[in-house]
C-alpha cells in the first residue's frame, strides 16, 4: 500500500496539470464574462483535484516495476 501511495502521489500532479490545461482551454474558448470566468476557474480547479485523485490511484498499480512481464536485463556483464 505504501508503494502504491507513493506512485500515486508522484503522478497526481501530472494528471492534474493535464486536466487543468484541458479545462483552461475549454474555459477560455467559451464566451464568458470575466467575473463568470473567474468563478469557473475556481470550480475547475476543485473538479480537477477531485477527478485526478482516483485516476492517479487507479494508474499507480500499472506503473510498478515488479508487475511488468519482461524485466529488463543489463547490457554489460557484471552490472
C-alpha atoms as a PDB file:
ATOM      1  CA  UNK A   1       0.000   0.000   0.000  1.00  0.00           C
ATOM      2  CA  UNK A   2       2.859   2.426   0.691  1.00  0.00           C
ATOM      3  CA  UNK A   3       4.356   1.916  -2.760  1.00  0.00           C
ATOM      4  CA  UNK A   4       1.017   2.480  -4.443  1.00  0.00           C
ATOM      5  CA  UNK A   5       0.507   5.670  -2.454  1.00  0.00           C
ATOM      6  CA  UNK A   6       3.985   6.922  -3.327  1.00  0.00           C
ATOM      7  CA  UNK A   7       3.495   6.286  -7.040  1.00  0.00           C
ATOM      8  CA  UNK A   8       0.042   7.880  -6.937  1.00  0.00           C
ATOM      9  CA  UNK A   9       1.468  10.920  -5.151  1.00  0.00           C
ATOM     10  CA  UNK A  10       4.128  11.293  -7.847  1.00  0.00           C
ATOM     11  CA  UNK A  11       1.769  11.074 -10.810  1.00  0.00           C
ATOM     12  CA  UNK A  12      -1.127  13.016  -9.262  1.00  0.00           C
ATOM     13  CA  UNK A  13       0.273  16.490 -10.106  1.00  0.00           C
ATOM     14  CA  UNK A  14       0.955  15.447 -13.685  1.00  0.00           C
ATOM     15  CA  UNK A  15      -2.567  14.152 -14.167  1.00  0.00           C
ATOM     16  CA  UNK A  16      -3.998  17.249 -12.553  1.00  0.00           C
ATOM     17  CA  UNK A  17      -1.884  19.512 -14.755  1.00  0.00           C
ATOM     18  CA  UNK A  18      -3.136  17.826 -17.918  1.00  0.00           C
ATOM     19  CA  UNK A  19      -6.759  18.017 -16.783  1.00  0.00           C
ATOM     20  CA  UNK A  20      -6.281  21.625 -15.697  1.00  0.00           C
ATOM     21  CA  UNK A  21      -4.823  22.536 -19.091  1.00  0.00           C
ATOM     22  CA  UNK A  22      -7.685  20.902 -20.946  1.00  0.00           C
ATOM     23  CA  UNK A  23     -10.169  22.668 -18.702  1.00  0.00           C
ATOM     24  CA  UNK A  24      -8.499  26.043 -19.197  1.00  0.00           C
ATOM     25  CA  UNK A  25      -8.591  25.657 -22.971  1.00  0.00           C
ATOM     26  CA  UNK A  26     -12.284  24.823 -22.748  1.00  0.00           C
ATOM     27  CA  UNK A  27     -12.990  27.766 -20.429  1.00  0.00           C
ATOM     28  CA  UNK A  28     -11.041  30.270 -22.491  1.00  0.00           C
ATOM     29  CA  UNK A  29     -12.826  29.132 -25.647  1.00  0.00           C
ATOM     30  CA  UNK A  30     -16.226  29.675 -24.002  1.00  0.00           C
ATOM     31  CA  UNK A  31     -17.842  33.092 -24.302  1.00  0.00           C
ATOM     32  CA  UNK A  32     -17.922  34.020 -20.599  1.00  0.00           C
ATOM     33  CA  UNK A  33     -17.743  37.357 -18.871  1.00  0.00           C
ATOM     34  CA  UNK A  34     -14.594  37.959 -16.800  1.00  0.00           C
ATOM     35  CA  UNK A  35     -16.403  37.556 -13.483  1.00  0.00           C
ATOM     36  CA  UNK A  36     -18.062  34.329 -14.597  1.00  0.00           C
ATOM     37  CA  UNK A  37     -14.730  33.088 -15.942  1.00  0.00           C
ATOM     38  CA  UNK A  38     -13.045  33.708 -12.586  1.00  0.00           C
ATOM     39  CA  UNK A  39     -15.722  31.693 -10.786  1.00  0.00           C
ATOM     40  CA  UNK A  40     -15.499  28.916 -13.367  1.00  0.00           C
ATOM     41  CA  UNK A  41     -11.724  28.666 -12.961  1.00  0.00           C
ATOM     42  CA  UNK A  42     -12.066  28.058  -9.221  1.00  0.00           C
ATOM     43  CA  UNK A  43     -14.684  25.371  -9.816  1.00  0.00           C
ATOM     44  CA  UNK A  44     -12.476  23.782 -12.453  1.00  0.00           C
ATOM     45  CA  UNK A  45      -9.512  23.668 -10.050  1.00  0.00           C
ATOM     46  CA  UNK A  46     -11.665  21.866  -7.486  1.00  0.00           C
ATOM     47  CA  UNK A  47     -13.036  19.479 -10.110  1.00  0.00           C
ATOM     48  CA  UNK A  48      -9.575  18.577 -11.411  1.00  0.00           C
ATOM     49  CA  UNK A  49      -8.382  17.884  -7.855  1.00  0.00           C
ATOM     50  CA  UNK A  50     -11.305  15.543  -7.284  1.00  0.00           C
ATOM     51  CA  UNK A  51     -11.017  13.782 -10.643  1.00  0.00           C
ATOM     52  CA  UNK A  52      -7.238  13.382 -10.681  1.00  0.00           C
ATOM     53  CA  UNK A  53      -7.105  11.663  -7.289  1.00  0.00           C
ATOM     54  CA  UNK A  54      -8.934   8.428  -8.277  1.00  0.00           C
ATOM     55  CA  UNK A  55      -7.223   8.454 -11.677  1.00  0.00           C
ATOM     56  CA  UNK A  56      -3.779   8.539 -10.050  1.00  0.00           C
ATOM     57  CA  UNK A  57      -4.789   5.856  -7.560  1.00  0.00           C
ATOM     58  CA  UNK A  58      -6.031   3.639 -10.379  1.00  0.00           C
ATOM     59  CA  UNK A  59      -2.962   4.147 -12.554  1.00  0.00           C
ATOM     60  CA  UNK A  60      -0.427   3.513  -9.779  1.00  0.00           C
ATOM     61  CA  UNK A  61      -0.514  -0.335  -9.890  1.00  0.00           C
ATOM     62  CA  UNK A  62       0.186  -0.260 -13.637  1.00  0.00           C
ATOM     63  CA  UNK A  63       3.398   1.672 -13.044  1.00  0.00           C
ATOM     64  CA  UNK A  64       5.001  -0.750 -10.610  1.00  0.00           C
ATOM     65  CA  UNK A  65       8.229  -2.205 -11.906  1.00  0.00           C
ATOM     66  CA  UNK A  66       7.757  -5.683 -10.443  1.00  0.00           C
ATOM     67  CA  UNK A  67       4.470  -6.206 -12.259  1.00  0.00           C
ATOM     68  CA  UNK A  68       5.970  -5.871 -15.739  1.00  0.00           C
ATOM     69  CA  UNK A  69       6.012  -9.136 -17.692  1.00  0.00           C
ATOM     70  CA  UNK A  70       9.574  -8.902 -19.052  1.00  0.00           C
ATOM     71  CA  UNK A  71      12.198  -7.486 -16.687  1.00  0.00           C
ATOM     72  CA  UNK A  72      14.990  -5.562 -18.356  1.00  0.00           C
ATOM     73  CA  UNK A  73      18.448  -7.074 -18.373  1.00  0.00           C
ATOM     74  CA  UNK A  74      21.649  -5.091 -18.033  1.00  0.00           C
ATOM     75  CA  UNK A  75      23.504  -4.930 -21.340  1.00  0.00           C
ATOM     76  CA  UNK A  76      27.018  -5.236 -19.914  1.00  0.00           C
ATOM     77  CA  UNK A  77      28.214  -8.196 -17.850  1.00  0.00           C
ATOM     78  CA  UNK A  78      28.685  -7.676 -14.159  1.00  0.00           C
ATOM     79  CA  UNK A  79      26.365  -4.697 -13.955  1.00  0.00           C
END
